[in-house]
Amino acid sequence: MNNKQEQFLNYILKRVQDGKIDEAQALINENFKKQEAGTFTRADIGEFIPKITMLIKPNHVDEVHNVIQEFAATFSEK
């Protein structure tokens, strides 16, 4: 895991509902593995958003969506 991935993981986990941290961490780590393998796509981002939204505390959903959208705007597939 690189530094940016670790920062993203920590950021998200601080905003996850109680009892959902393991699930969120597994979801995020799955995407990190795809990134490292070079197989991560925009479709993966699209699938990630609704899944992670269900795990985020309601008062942080918009904030997390904004961060994910910022990442998606800079993401380029190889």
Protein backbone atom coordinates (compact mmCIF):
# COMPACT_ATOMS: atom_id res chain seq x y z
CA MET A 1 0.00 0.00 0.00
CA ASN A 2 1.43 3.35 -0.99
CA ASN A 3 1.20 6.54 1.07
CA LYS A 4 -1.80 7.97 -0.81
CA GLN A 5 -3.69 4.69 -0.45
CA GLU A 6 -2.95 4.62 3.27
CA GLN A 7 -4.17 8.21 3.66
CA PHE A 8 -7.37 7.37 1.74
CA LEU A 9 -7.94 4.24 3.85
CA ASN A 10 -7.50 6.14 7.11
CA TYR A 11 -9.73 8.97 5.91
CA ILE A 12 -12.56 6.61 4.99
CA LEU A 13 -12.27 4.40 8.06
CA LYS A 14 -12.68 7.42 10.33
CA ARG A 15 -16.05 8.03 8.69
CA VAL A 16 -17.36 4.45 8.67
CA GLN A 17 -20.28 3.35 10.82
CA ASP A 18 -19.51 1.44 14.01
CA GLY A 19 -19.21 -2.26 13.33
CA LYS A 20 -18.58 -1.76 9.59
CA ILE A 21 -14.83 -1.05 9.64
CA ASP A 22 -13.73 -4.56 8.65
CA GLU A 23 -16.18 -4.60 5.74
CA ALA A 24 -15.05 -1.17 4.54
CA GLN A 25 -11.39 -2.07 4.87
CA ALA A 26 -11.88 -5.26 2.84
CA LEU A 27 -13.72 -3.32 0.11
CA ILE A 28 -11.01 -0.68 -0.09
CA ASN A 29 -8.17 -3.21 -0.02
CA GLU A 30 -9.81 -5.11 -2.89
CA ASN A 31 -9.64 -1.93 -4.98
CA PHE A 32 -6.05 -1.26 -3.92
CA LYS A 33 -5.07 -4.73 -5.14
CA LYS A 34 -6.67 -3.97 -8.50
CA GLN A 35 -4.80 -0.66 -8.65
CA GLU A 36 -1.49 -2.37 -7.94
CA ALA A 37 -2.22 -5.02 -10.59
CA GLY A 38 -3.16 -2.34 -13.12
CA THR A 39 -6.68 -3.70 -13.54
CA PHE A 40 -8.60 -0.97 -11.70
CA THR A 41 -11.14 0.76 -13.97
CA ARG A 42 -13.77 3.48 -13.93
CA ALA A 43 -16.34 0.70 -13.63
CA ASP A 44 -14.68 -0.31 -10.36
CA ILE A 45 -15.12 3.24 -9.10
CA GLY A 46 -18.78 3.10 -10.10
CA GLU A 47 -19.26 -0.14 -8.19
CA PHE A 48 -17.31 1.11 -5.17
CA ILE A 49 -19.38 4.25 -4.54
CA PRO A 50 -22.72 2.61 -3.65
CA LYS A 51 -21.02 -0.12 -1.62
CA ILE A 52 -18.95 2.26 0.48
CA THR A 53 -21.89 4.67 0.85
CA MET A 54 -23.82 1.99 2.75
CA LEU A 55 -20.97 1.79 5.27
CA ILE A 56 -20.37 5.51 5.84
CA LYS A 57 -21.94 7.44 8.70
CA PRO A 58 -24.86 9.41 7.21
CA ASN A 59 -23.41 12.79 8.19
CA HIS A 60 -20.22 12.04 6.19
CA VAL A 61 -21.71 10.64 2.96
CA ASP A 62 -21.53 13.88 0.95
CA GLU A 63 -17.99 14.58 2.13
CA VAL A 64 -16.80 11.08 1.16
CA HIS A 65 -18.58 11.29 -2.20
CA ASN A 66 -16.73 14.52 -2.94
CA VAL A 67 -13.36 12.92 -2.18
CA ILE A 68 -14.15 9.91 -4.36
CA GLN A 69 -15.33 12.16 -7.19
CA GLU A 70 -12.08 14.17 -6.96
CA PHE A 71 -10.14 10.92 -7.30
CA ALA A 72 -12.31 9.77 -10.19
CA ALA A 73 -11.71 13.06 -12.01
CA THR A 74 -7.96 12.49 -11.92
CA PHE A 75 -8.06 8.76 -12.59
CA SER A 76 -6.83 7.60 -15.95
CA GLU A 77 -7.06 4.03 -17.15
CA LYS A 78 -4.00 2.50 -18.74
